[in-house]
Amino acid sequence: MTELLTPQPLLFVTDREKRLLRRIAKGKSDYAIAIEIGGTEKQITKQRLALISKLGIQSHEQLLAAATELAAWPAKCPSRTRLPPLTS
């Protein structure tokens, strides 16, 4: 019997989210990220938590792994990049 695979939805990541992901991948603090891309430490913390929800992951460790994987995407992409689902 052949099993049908359900296609995974693609994620849309904004330019700001990509900048945030790249800095998370480098291990930077929310404070340092806020200085580099603008905003406050509190705003960056909220954006980090929103990314956790958006990416459907359960911990900051998984967010770091996702950031490392997605940070390899080119910096010069259209403002809303379609990314493949994260691998577990």
Protein backbone atom coordinates (compact mmCIF):
# COMPACT_ATOMS: atom_id res chain seq x y z
CA MET A 1 0.00 0.00 0.00
CA THR A 2 1.39 3.40 -0.98
CA GLU A 3 1.28 6.12 1.64
CA LEU A 4 0.64 9.69 0.49
CA LEU A 5 2.80 12.35 2.04
CA THR A 6 1.14 15.57 3.11
CA PRO A 7 3.08 18.54 1.71
CA GLN A 8 4.46 20.90 4.34
CA PRO A 9 3.46 24.58 4.05
CA LEU A 10 6.17 27.05 3.07
CA LEU A 11 7.12 29.76 5.54
CA PHE A 12 7.26 33.43 4.71
CA VAL A 13 10.09 35.27 6.46
CA THR A 14 10.40 39.05 6.26
CA ASP A 15 13.68 40.93 5.80
CA ARG A 16 13.67 41.93 9.46
CA GLU A 17 13.06 38.33 10.54
CA LYS A 18 15.99 37.22 8.35
CA ARG A 19 18.24 39.86 9.95
CA LEU A 20 17.08 38.69 13.37
CA LEU A 21 17.66 35.01 12.50
CA ARG A 22 21.18 35.71 11.25
CA ARG A 23 22.10 37.43 14.49
CA ILE A 24 20.50 34.71 16.60
CA ALA A 25 22.58 32.20 14.62
CA LYS A 26 25.70 34.14 15.60
CA GLY A 27 24.67 33.85 19.27
CA LYS A 28 24.08 37.58 19.79
CA SER A 29 22.02 38.83 22.72
CA ASP A 30 18.68 40.59 22.27
CA TYR A 31 20.36 43.80 23.44
CA ALA A 32 23.13 43.54 20.82
CA ILE A 33 20.59 42.69 18.10
CA ALA A 34 18.49 45.72 19.07
CA ILE A 35 21.50 48.01 18.67
CA GLU A 36 22.37 46.53 15.25
CA ILE A 37 18.95 46.35 13.58
CA GLY A 38 17.07 48.97 15.59
CA GLY A 39 14.46 48.81 18.28
CA THR A 40 14.62 48.00 21.95
CA GLU A 41 15.77 44.86 23.72
CA LYS A 42 12.13 44.25 24.72
CA GLN A 43 10.98 44.49 21.08
CA ILE A 44 13.65 42.01 19.97
CA THR A 45 12.62 39.62 22.75
CA LYS A 46 9.00 39.81 21.52
CA GLN A 47 10.12 39.26 17.91
CA ARG A 48 12.22 36.25 18.96
CA LEU A 49 9.17 34.75 20.72
CA ALA A 50 7.00 35.47 17.66
CA LEU A 51 9.51 33.60 15.48
CA ILE A 52 9.36 30.62 17.84
CA SER A 53 5.60 30.54 17.32
CA LYS A 54 5.81 31.18 13.57
CA LEU A 55 8.39 28.44 13.02
CA GLY A 56 6.43 26.03 15.20
CA ILE A 57 9.31 25.17 17.47
CA GLN A 58 9.29 24.57 21.18
CA SER A 59 12.50 26.00 22.62
CA HIS A 60 15.23 28.58 22.19
CA GLU A 61 17.64 25.75 21.38
CA GLN A 62 15.46 24.77 18.41
CA LEU A 63 15.28 28.46 17.42
CA LEU A 64 19.07 28.62 17.44
CA ALA A 65 19.22 25.50 15.24
CA ALA A 66 16.61 26.97 12.86
CA ALA A 67 18.43 30.30 12.77
CA THR A 68 21.67 28.54 11.91
CA GLU A 69 19.93 26.62 9.10
CA LEU A 70 18.06 29.64 7.71
CA ALA A 71 20.91 32.14 8.14
CA ALA A 72 22.63 30.53 5.16
CA TRP A 73 20.01 32.06 2.85
CA PRO A 74 21.31 34.96 0.75
CA ALA A 75 21.05 38.41 2.29
CA LYS A 76 19.69 39.88 -0.95
CA CYS A 77 16.37 38.07 -1.31
CA PRO A 78 12.95 39.52 -2.05
CA SER A 79 11.42 41.14 1.01
CA ARG A 80 9.24 38.11 1.72
CA THR A 81 11.20 34.93 1.14
CA ARG A 82 9.50 31.55 0.88
CA LEU A 83 11.45 29.06 2.92
CA PRO A 84 11.02 25.30 2.94
CA PRO A 85 9.74 23.77 6.19
CA LEU A 86 12.39 23.21 8.82
CA THR A 87 13.76 19.72 9.15
CA SER A 88 13.48 18.10 12.55
